Amino acid sequence: MENVEVKIINRSRHELPEYATLLSAGMDVRASLDEPMVIQPMERVLVPTGLYIQLPQGYECQLRPRSGLALKHGITLVNTPGTIDADYRGEIRVILINLSKEAFVINDGERICQMVVAGYAGVSWLPVETLDDTERGAGGFGHTGVN
């Protein structure tokens, strides 16, 4: 695994995002709140983290749901994965939605999402009239069967 140095400002009262295990891809990110935040069923909220980052060129930060929150409480991210570009310098804030039938309370310091830092390639478009053939071709949306 490549190790990338990322500058970070932490204005929360919590530790920096960290990996739960040695082989984890995502780091847990915590809410930075002055008071608990209630998310009603089917409501969206913007949750501050108190974190500001400076990614190296060629990298992005993805915000992804936490599986435990999704399964146990129906809490997920509206735009998943959320993308933080290398030139963004504002506070990282997370758009959560409550897909359950019960209100959910987010407390200060609660782990609300996972953060994955990943490299990406820039694209130079090459306009053509045809594309190479493949076995799959244009098949999609379940073309390989039900199972």
N, C-alpha and C. Protein backbone atom coordinates (compact mmCIF):
# COMPACT_ATOMS: atom_id res chain seq x y z
N MET A 1 0.85 -1.18 0.00
CA MET A 1 0.00 0.00 0.00
C MET A 1 0.89 1.24 0.00
N GLU A 2 0.58 2.16 -0.89
CA GLU A 2 1.31 3.43 -0.97
C GLU A 2 0.88 4.33 0.19
N ASN A 3 1.82 5.07 0.73
CA ASN A 3 1.51 6.01 1.80
C ASN A 3 1.64 7.43 1.23
N VAL A 4 0.57 8.22 1.33
CA VAL A 4 0.53 9.58 0.78
C VAL A 4 0.42 10.56 1.94
N GLU A 5 1.27 11.58 1.91
CA GLU A 5 1.22 12.60 2.95
C GLU A 5 0.17 13.65 2.57
N VAL A 6 -0.78 13.91 3.48
CA VAL A 6 -1.86 14.87 3.24
C VAL A 6 -1.84 15.88 4.38
N LYS A 7 -1.77 17.16 4.03
CA LYS A 7 -1.85 18.21 5.04
C LYS A 7 -3.28 18.28 5.57
N ILE A 8 -3.41 18.47 6.91
CA ILE A 8 -4.74 18.51 7.52
C ILE A 8 -4.77 19.53 8.66
N ILE A 9 -5.87 20.26 8.73
CA ILE A 9 -6.16 21.12 9.88
C ILE A 9 -7.33 20.48 10.61
N ASN A 10 -7.19 20.31 11.91
CA ASN A 10 -8.24 19.69 12.72
C ASN A 10 -8.78 20.72 13.70
N ARG A 11 -9.96 21.27 13.39
CA ARG A 11 -10.61 22.23 14.28
C ARG A 11 -11.70 21.58 15.13
N SER A 12 -11.76 20.26 15.11
CA SER A 12 -12.71 19.54 15.96
C SER A 12 -12.04 19.27 17.31
N ARG A 13 -12.77 18.65 18.19
CA ARG A 13 -12.24 18.26 19.50
C ARG A 13 -11.85 16.78 19.49
N HIS A 14 -11.70 16.21 18.31
CA HIS A 14 -11.51 14.77 18.19
C HIS A 14 -10.21 14.45 17.47
N GLU A 15 -9.82 13.18 17.60
CA GLU A 15 -8.60 12.74 16.94
C GLU A 15 -8.76 12.79 15.42
N LEU A 16 -7.67 12.73 14.72
CA LEU A 16 -7.70 12.71 13.26
C LEU A 16 -8.35 11.42 12.77
N PRO A 17 -8.90 11.42 11.55
CA PRO A 17 -9.42 10.16 10.99
C PRO A 17 -8.32 9.10 11.02
N GLU A 18 -8.72 7.87 11.33
CA GLU A 18 -7.73 6.80 11.40
C GLU A 18 -8.32 5.49 10.93
N TYR A 19 -7.42 4.60 10.53
CA TYR A 19 -7.82 3.27 10.08
C TYR A 19 -8.12 2.40 11.29
N ALA A 20 -9.22 1.64 11.23
CA ALA A 20 -9.61 0.76 12.35
C ALA A 20 -8.72 -0.47 12.42
N THR A 21 -8.28 -0.96 11.26
CA THR A 21 -7.41 -2.13 11.21
C THR A 21 -6.27 -1.88 10.23
N LEU A 22 -5.28 -2.73 10.24
CA LEU A 22 -4.10 -2.58 9.39
C LEU A 22 -4.45 -2.55 7.90
N LEU A 23 -5.44 -3.33 7.48
CA LEU A 23 -5.78 -3.42 6.07
C LEU A 23 -7.05 -2.67 5.68
N SER A 24 -7.54 -1.80 6.55
CA SER A 24 -8.72 -0.98 6.23
C SER A 24 -8.41 -0.02 5.09
N ALA A 25 -9.36 0.14 4.18
CA ALA A 25 -9.21 1.11 3.09
C ALA A 25 -9.71 2.49 3.52
N GLY A 26 -10.72 2.51 4.39
CA GLY A 26 -11.33 3.77 4.81
C GLY A 26 -11.00 4.12 6.25
N MET A 27 -10.91 5.43 6.49
CA MET A 27 -10.70 5.95 7.84
C MET A 27 -12.01 6.51 8.37
N ASP A 28 -12.31 6.27 9.63
CA ASP A 28 -13.53 6.80 10.22
C ASP A 28 -13.42 8.31 10.42
N VAL A 29 -14.50 9.02 10.06
CA VAL A 29 -14.59 10.48 10.22
C VAL A 29 -15.69 10.75 11.24
N ARG A 30 -15.43 11.70 12.13
CA ARG A 30 -16.36 12.00 13.23
C ARG A 30 -17.08 13.34 13.03
N ALA A 31 -18.28 13.42 13.56
CA ALA A 31 -19.05 14.66 13.56
C ALA A 31 -18.41 15.64 14.55
N SER A 32 -18.42 16.91 14.20
CA SER A 32 -17.93 17.96 15.10
C SER A 32 -19.11 18.90 15.37
N LEU A 33 -19.79 18.66 16.48
CA LEU A 33 -21.04 19.36 16.79
C LEU A 33 -20.98 20.05 18.14
N ASP A 34 -21.63 21.21 18.24
CA ASP A 34 -21.76 21.90 19.52
C ASP A 34 -22.89 21.30 20.35
N GLU A 35 -23.87 20.70 19.67
CA GLU A 35 -24.99 20.04 20.34
C GLU A 35 -25.47 18.90 19.45
N PRO A 36 -26.16 17.92 20.01
CA PRO A 36 -26.65 16.80 19.19
C PRO A 36 -27.52 17.28 18.04
N MET A 37 -27.48 16.53 16.95
CA MET A 37 -28.25 16.84 15.74
C MET A 37 -29.22 15.69 15.50
N VAL A 38 -30.50 16.02 15.35
CA VAL A 38 -31.51 15.00 15.09
C VAL A 38 -31.83 14.96 13.60
N ILE A 39 -31.81 13.74 13.04
CA ILE A 39 -32.20 13.57 11.63
C ILE A 39 -33.53 12.83 11.63
N GLN A 40 -34.55 13.51 11.16
CA GLN A 40 -35.88 12.89 11.07
C GLN A 40 -35.92 11.92 9.89
N PRO A 41 -36.89 10.99 9.87
CA PRO A 41 -37.02 10.08 8.73
C PRO A 41 -37.10 10.86 7.41
N MET A 42 -36.34 10.41 6.43
CA MET A 42 -36.25 10.98 5.08
C MET A 42 -35.70 12.40 5.06
N GLU A 43 -35.08 12.84 6.13
CA GLU A 43 -34.48 14.18 6.19
C GLU A 43 -33.00 14.09 5.84
N ARG A 44 -32.49 15.14 5.16
CA ARG A 44 -31.07 15.28 4.85
C ARG A 44 -30.49 16.36 5.74
N VAL A 45 -29.26 16.15 6.20
CA VAL A 45 -28.56 17.16 6.99
C VAL A 45 -27.11 17.26 6.54
N LEU A 46 -26.53 18.41 6.76
CA LEU A 46 -25.13 18.65 6.45
C LEU A 46 -24.36 18.67 7.78
N VAL A 47 -23.50 17.70 7.97
CA VAL A 47 -22.82 17.51 9.25
C VAL A 47 -21.37 17.98 9.15
N PRO A 48 -20.98 18.94 9.99
CA PRO A 48 -19.59 19.41 9.98
C PRO A 48 -18.65 18.39 10.63
N THR A 49 -17.39 18.42 10.19
CA THR A 49 -16.37 17.52 10.77
C THR A 49 -15.24 18.29 11.44
N GLY A 50 -15.10 19.58 11.14
CA GLY A 50 -13.99 20.35 11.68
C GLY A 50 -12.67 20.05 10.98
N LEU A 51 -12.70 19.31 9.88
CA LEU A 51 -11.49 18.92 9.17
C LEU A 51 -11.35 19.69 7.86
N TYR A 52 -10.12 20.08 7.56
CA TYR A 52 -9.76 20.77 6.32
C TYR A 52 -8.51 20.06 5.79
N ILE A 53 -8.50 19.71 4.51
CA ILE A 53 -7.35 18.97 3.99
C ILE A 53 -6.79 19.61 2.73
N GLN A 54 -5.54 19.30 2.46
CA GLN A 54 -4.87 19.70 1.23
C GLN A 54 -4.29 18.44 0.59
N LEU A 55 -5.01 17.94 -0.41
CA LEU A 55 -4.58 16.72 -1.09
C LEU A 55 -3.51 17.04 -2.13
N PRO A 56 -2.58 16.11 -2.36
CA PRO A 56 -1.62 16.31 -3.44
C PRO A 56 -2.32 16.23 -4.80
N GLN A 57 -1.75 16.88 -5.79
CA GLN A 57 -2.28 16.80 -7.15
C GLN A 57 -2.34 15.33 -7.57
N GLY A 58 -3.44 14.95 -8.23
CA GLY A 58 -3.62 13.57 -8.68
C GLY A 58 -4.32 12.69 -7.67
N TYR A 59 -4.80 13.29 -6.57
CA TYR A 59 -5.52 12.53 -5.54
C TYR A 59 -6.88 13.17 -5.27
N GLU A 60 -7.80 12.35 -4.82
CA GLU A 60 -9.12 12.79 -4.38
C GLU A 60 -9.40 12.13 -3.04
N CYS A 61 -10.37 12.65 -2.34
CA CYS A 61 -10.84 12.04 -1.10
C CYS A 61 -12.30 11.66 -1.32
N GLN A 62 -12.63 10.41 -1.04
CA GLN A 62 -14.01 9.93 -1.18
C GLN A 62 -14.61 9.74 0.21
N LEU A 63 -15.84 10.20 0.38
CA LEU A 63 -16.59 9.97 1.61
C LEU A 63 -17.64 8.91 1.33
N ARG A 64 -17.66 7.88 2.16
CA ARG A 64 -18.54 6.73 1.95
C ARG A 64 -19.33 6.42 3.22
N PRO A 65 -20.49 5.77 3.06
CA PRO A 65 -21.28 5.42 4.25
C PRO A 65 -20.55 4.42 5.15
N ARG A 66 -20.93 4.41 6.41
CA ARG A 66 -20.47 3.37 7.34
C ARG A 66 -21.53 2.27 7.31
N SER A 67 -21.11 1.06 7.10
CA SER A 67 -22.06 -0.04 6.93
C SER A 67 -22.90 -0.28 8.18
N GLY A 68 -22.33 -0.11 9.36
CA GLY A 68 -23.09 -0.31 10.59
C GLY A 68 -24.22 0.69 10.74
N LEU A 69 -23.96 1.97 10.44
CA LEU A 69 -25.01 2.98 10.50
C LEU A 69 -26.10 2.71 9.47
N ALA A 70 -25.69 2.27 8.29
CA ALA A 70 -26.67 1.98 7.24
C ALA A 70 -27.56 0.80 7.61
N LEU A 71 -26.96 -0.28 8.07
CA LEU A 71 -27.73 -1.48 8.40
C LEU A 71 -28.60 -1.30 9.65
N LYS A 72 -28.01 -0.78 10.71
CA LYS A 72 -28.72 -0.70 11.99
C LYS A 72 -29.70 0.48 12.08
N HIS A 73 -29.39 1.59 11.37
CA HIS A 73 -30.19 2.80 11.57
C HIS A 73 -30.68 3.45 10.28
N GLY A 74 -30.30 2.92 9.12
CA GLY A 74 -30.75 3.51 7.85
C GLY A 74 -30.10 4.84 7.54
N ILE A 75 -28.93 5.12 8.13
CA ILE A 75 -28.22 6.38 7.91
C ILE A 75 -27.17 6.16 6.83
N THR A 76 -27.22 6.97 5.77
CA THR A 76 -26.27 6.83 4.68
C THR A 76 -25.96 8.21 4.11
N LEU A 77 -25.07 8.24 3.13
CA LEU A 77 -24.73 9.49 2.45
C LEU A 77 -25.62 9.65 1.23
N VAL A 78 -26.06 10.87 0.98
CA VAL A 78 -26.91 11.14 -0.17
C VAL A 78 -26.11 11.00 -1.46
N ASN A 79 -24.95 11.61 -1.51
CA ASN A 79 -24.11 11.54 -2.70
C ASN A 79 -22.91 10.64 -2.38
N THR A 80 -23.06 9.38 -2.68
CA THR A 80 -22.00 8.46 -2.31
C THR A 80 -21.36 7.84 -3.54
N PRO A 81 -20.06 7.84 -3.68
CA PRO A 81 -19.20 8.52 -2.71
C PRO A 81 -19.18 10.03 -2.94
N GLY A 82 -19.08 10.76 -1.86
CA GLY A 82 -18.86 12.19 -1.96
C GLY A 82 -17.41 12.41 -2.34
N THR A 83 -17.15 13.32 -3.25
CA THR A 83 -15.79 13.56 -3.72
C THR A 83 -15.26 14.90 -3.24
N ILE A 84 -14.07 14.89 -2.67
CA ILE A 84 -13.37 16.11 -2.30
C ILE A 84 -12.18 16.22 -3.25
N ASP A 85 -12.16 17.28 -4.02
CA ASP A 85 -11.10 17.49 -5.01
C ASP A 85 -9.85 18.06 -4.36
N ALA A 86 -8.72 17.90 -5.04
CA ALA A 86 -7.43 18.34 -4.51
C ALA A 86 -7.34 19.84 -4.33
N ASP A 87 -8.16 20.62 -5.02
CA ASP A 87 -8.09 22.07 -4.88
C ASP A 87 -9.12 22.64 -3.90
N TYR A 88 -9.91 21.79 -3.23
CA TYR A 88 -10.90 22.26 -2.25
C TYR A 88 -10.20 22.52 -0.92
N ARG A 89 -10.46 23.66 -0.31
CA ARG A 89 -9.83 24.00 0.96
C ARG A 89 -10.83 24.28 2.09
N GLY A 90 -12.13 24.10 1.83
CA GLY A 90 -13.12 24.35 2.87
C GLY A 90 -13.24 23.18 3.83
N GLU A 91 -14.11 23.36 4.81
CA GLU A 91 -14.35 22.31 5.79
C GLU A 91 -15.01 21.10 5.11
N ILE A 92 -14.59 19.93 5.50
CA ILE A 92 -15.25 18.71 5.03
C ILE A 92 -16.57 18.59 5.80
N ARG A 93 -17.66 18.58 5.04
CA ARG A 93 -18.99 18.41 5.62
C ARG A 93 -19.66 17.25 4.90
N VAL A 94 -20.47 16.51 5.62
CA VAL A 94 -21.03 15.25 5.12
C VAL A 94 -22.55 15.36 5.01
N ILE A 95 -23.09 15.02 3.83
CA ILE A 95 -24.54 15.05 3.63
C ILE A 95 -25.10 13.68 4.00
N LEU A 96 -25.77 13.61 5.14
CA LEU A 96 -26.38 12.36 5.59
C LEU A 96 -27.88 12.39 5.35
N ILE A 97 -28.45 11.20 5.17
CA ILE A 97 -29.90 11.05 5.05
C ILE A 97 -30.34 9.90 5.94
N ASN A 98 -31.52 10.05 6.53
CA ASN A 98 -32.11 9.02 7.37
C ASN A 98 -33.18 8.29 6.55
N LEU A 99 -32.88 7.08 6.15
CA LEU A 99 -33.81 6.29 5.35
C LEU A 99 -34.70 5.39 6.21
N SER A 100 -34.60 5.52 7.53
CA SER A 100 -35.42 4.69 8.41
C SER A 100 -36.74 5.38 8.73
N LYS A 101 -37.54 4.75 9.56
CA LYS A 101 -38.83 5.32 9.97
C LYS A 101 -38.75 5.99 11.34
N GLU A 102 -37.54 6.06 11.91
CA GLU A 102 -37.35 6.65 13.23
C GLU A 102 -36.30 7.75 13.18
N ALA A 103 -36.48 8.74 14.03
CA ALA A 103 -35.48 9.81 14.14
C ALA A 103 -34.17 9.21 14.64
N PHE A 104 -33.06 9.82 14.23
CA PHE A 104 -31.74 9.36 14.66
C PHE A 104 -30.96 10.57 15.17
N VAL A 105 -30.27 10.40 16.29
CA VAL A 105 -29.51 11.48 16.90
C VAL A 105 -28.02 11.27 16.62
N ILE A 106 -27.39 12.31 16.07
CA ILE A 106 -25.94 12.30 15.88
C ILE A 106 -25.34 13.13 17.00
N ASN A 107 -24.41 12.54 17.72
CA ASN A 107 -23.74 13.22 18.81
C ASN A 107 -22.34 13.66 18.39
N ASP A 108 -21.82 14.66 19.07
CA ASP A 108 -20.47 15.13 18.82
C ASP A 108 -19.50 13.96 18.96
N GLY A 109 -18.63 13.80 17.98
CA GLY A 109 -17.62 12.73 18.03
C GLY A 109 -18.07 11.42 17.45
N GLU A 110 -19.34 11.32 17.05
CA GLU A 110 -19.84 10.08 16.47
C GLU A 110 -19.22 9.85 15.09
N ARG A 111 -18.86 8.60 14.82
CA ARG A 111 -18.31 8.24 13.51
C ARG A 111 -19.45 8.24 12.49
N ILE A 112 -19.35 9.11 11.49
CA ILE A 112 -20.48 9.30 10.56
C ILE A 112 -20.23 8.79 9.15
N CYS A 113 -18.96 8.61 8.78
CA CYS A 113 -18.67 8.12 7.44
C CYS A 113 -17.24 7.60 7.40
N GLN A 114 -16.86 7.08 6.24
CA GLN A 114 -15.49 6.65 6.00
C GLN A 114 -14.87 7.55 4.95
N MET A 115 -13.58 7.76 5.06
CA MET A 115 -12.82 8.57 4.13
C MET A 115 -11.78 7.69 3.45
N VAL A 116 -11.77 7.72 2.11
CA VAL A 116 -10.77 6.98 1.34
C VAL A 116 -10.04 7.98 0.45
N VAL A 117 -8.72 8.01 0.56
CA VAL A 117 -7.91 8.86 -0.31
C VAL A 117 -7.39 7.98 -1.43
N ALA A 118 -7.61 8.43 -2.68
CA ALA A 118 -7.25 7.60 -3.83
C ALA A 118 -6.69 8.46 -4.95
N GLY A 119 -5.77 7.87 -5.69
CA GLY A 119 -5.24 8.54 -6.86
C GLY A 119 -6.21 8.42 -8.03
N TYR A 120 -6.06 9.31 -8.99
CA TYR A 120 -6.89 9.24 -10.18
C TYR A 120 -6.07 9.69 -11.38
N ALA A 121 -6.55 9.34 -12.55
CA ALA A 121 -5.88 9.73 -13.79
C ALA A 121 -6.69 10.80 -14.48
N GLY A 122 -6.01 11.77 -15.08
CA GLY A 122 -6.68 12.75 -15.91
C GLY A 122 -7.02 12.11 -17.25
N VAL A 123 -7.98 12.67 -17.94
CA VAL A 123 -8.45 12.11 -19.22
C VAL A 123 -8.20 13.10 -20.34
N SER A 124 -7.68 12.60 -21.43
CA SER A 124 -7.61 13.35 -22.67
C SER A 124 -8.51 12.61 -23.65
N TRP A 125 -9.60 13.23 -24.07
CA TRP A 125 -10.55 12.58 -24.96
C TRP A 125 -9.95 12.41 -26.35
N LEU A 126 -10.20 11.25 -26.95
CA LEU A 126 -9.76 10.95 -28.30
C LEU A 126 -11.00 10.62 -29.12
N PRO A 127 -11.60 11.61 -29.80
CA PRO A 127 -12.81 11.34 -30.59
C PRO A 127 -12.53 10.34 -31.71
N VAL A 128 -13.39 9.31 -31.82
CA VAL A 128 -13.28 8.28 -32.86
C VAL A 128 -14.67 7.98 -33.39
N GLU A 129 -14.75 7.22 -34.45
CA GLU A 129 -16.03 6.82 -35.05
C GLU A 129 -16.50 5.45 -34.56
N THR A 130 -15.57 4.58 -34.14
CA THR A 130 -15.93 3.24 -33.66
C THR A 130 -15.07 2.89 -32.45
N LEU A 131 -15.54 1.92 -31.67
CA LEU A 131 -14.80 1.40 -30.52
C LEU A 131 -14.46 -0.06 -30.77
N ASP A 132 -13.41 -0.56 -30.14
CA ASP A 132 -13.03 -1.96 -30.29
C ASP A 132 -14.14 -2.86 -29.79
N ASP A 133 -14.33 -4.03 -30.42
CA ASP A 133 -15.32 -5.01 -30.00
C ASP A 133 -14.82 -5.76 -28.77
N THR A 134 -15.77 -6.16 -27.91
CA THR A 134 -15.47 -7.02 -26.76
C THR A 134 -16.53 -8.10 -26.68
N GLU A 135 -16.28 -9.11 -25.85
CA GLU A 135 -17.28 -10.16 -25.69
C GLU A 135 -18.57 -9.61 -25.11
N ARG A 136 -18.47 -8.67 -24.18
CA ARG A 136 -19.64 -8.08 -23.55
C ARG A 136 -20.38 -7.14 -24.50
N GLY A 137 -19.66 -6.40 -25.28
CA GLY A 137 -20.30 -5.44 -26.18
C GLY A 137 -21.06 -4.38 -25.42
N ALA A 138 -22.30 -4.13 -25.84
CA ALA A 138 -23.13 -3.10 -25.21
C ALA A 138 -24.02 -3.67 -24.10
N GLY A 139 -23.81 -4.94 -23.73
CA GLY A 139 -24.65 -5.56 -22.70
C GLY A 139 -24.45 -4.90 -21.35
N GLY A 140 -25.54 -4.63 -20.67
CA GLY A 140 -25.47 -4.01 -19.35
C GLY A 140 -26.78 -4.18 -18.62
N PHE A 141 -26.84 -3.70 -17.41
CA PHE A 141 -28.07 -3.72 -16.60
C PHE A 141 -28.64 -5.13 -16.50
N GLY A 142 -27.82 -6.07 -16.01
CA GLY A 142 -28.32 -7.43 -15.78
C GLY A 142 -28.20 -8.35 -16.98
N HIS A 143 -27.42 -7.99 -17.96
CA HIS A 143 -27.33 -8.81 -19.18
C HIS A 143 -26.73 -10.19 -18.93
N THR A 144 -26.01 -10.38 -17.81
CA THR A 144 -25.38 -11.69 -17.57
C THR A 144 -26.31 -12.65 -16.85
N GLY A 145 -27.53 -12.26 -16.54
CA GLY A 145 -28.49 -13.17 -15.91
C GLY A 145 -28.92 -12.69 -14.54
N VAL A 146 -29.85 -13.44 -13.95
CA VAL A 146 -30.44 -13.09 -12.67
C VAL A 146 -29.47 -13.34 -11.52
N ASN A 147 -28.73 -14.43 -11.57
CA ASN A 147 -27.82 -14.78 -10.47
C ASN A 147 -26.56 -14.03 -10.56
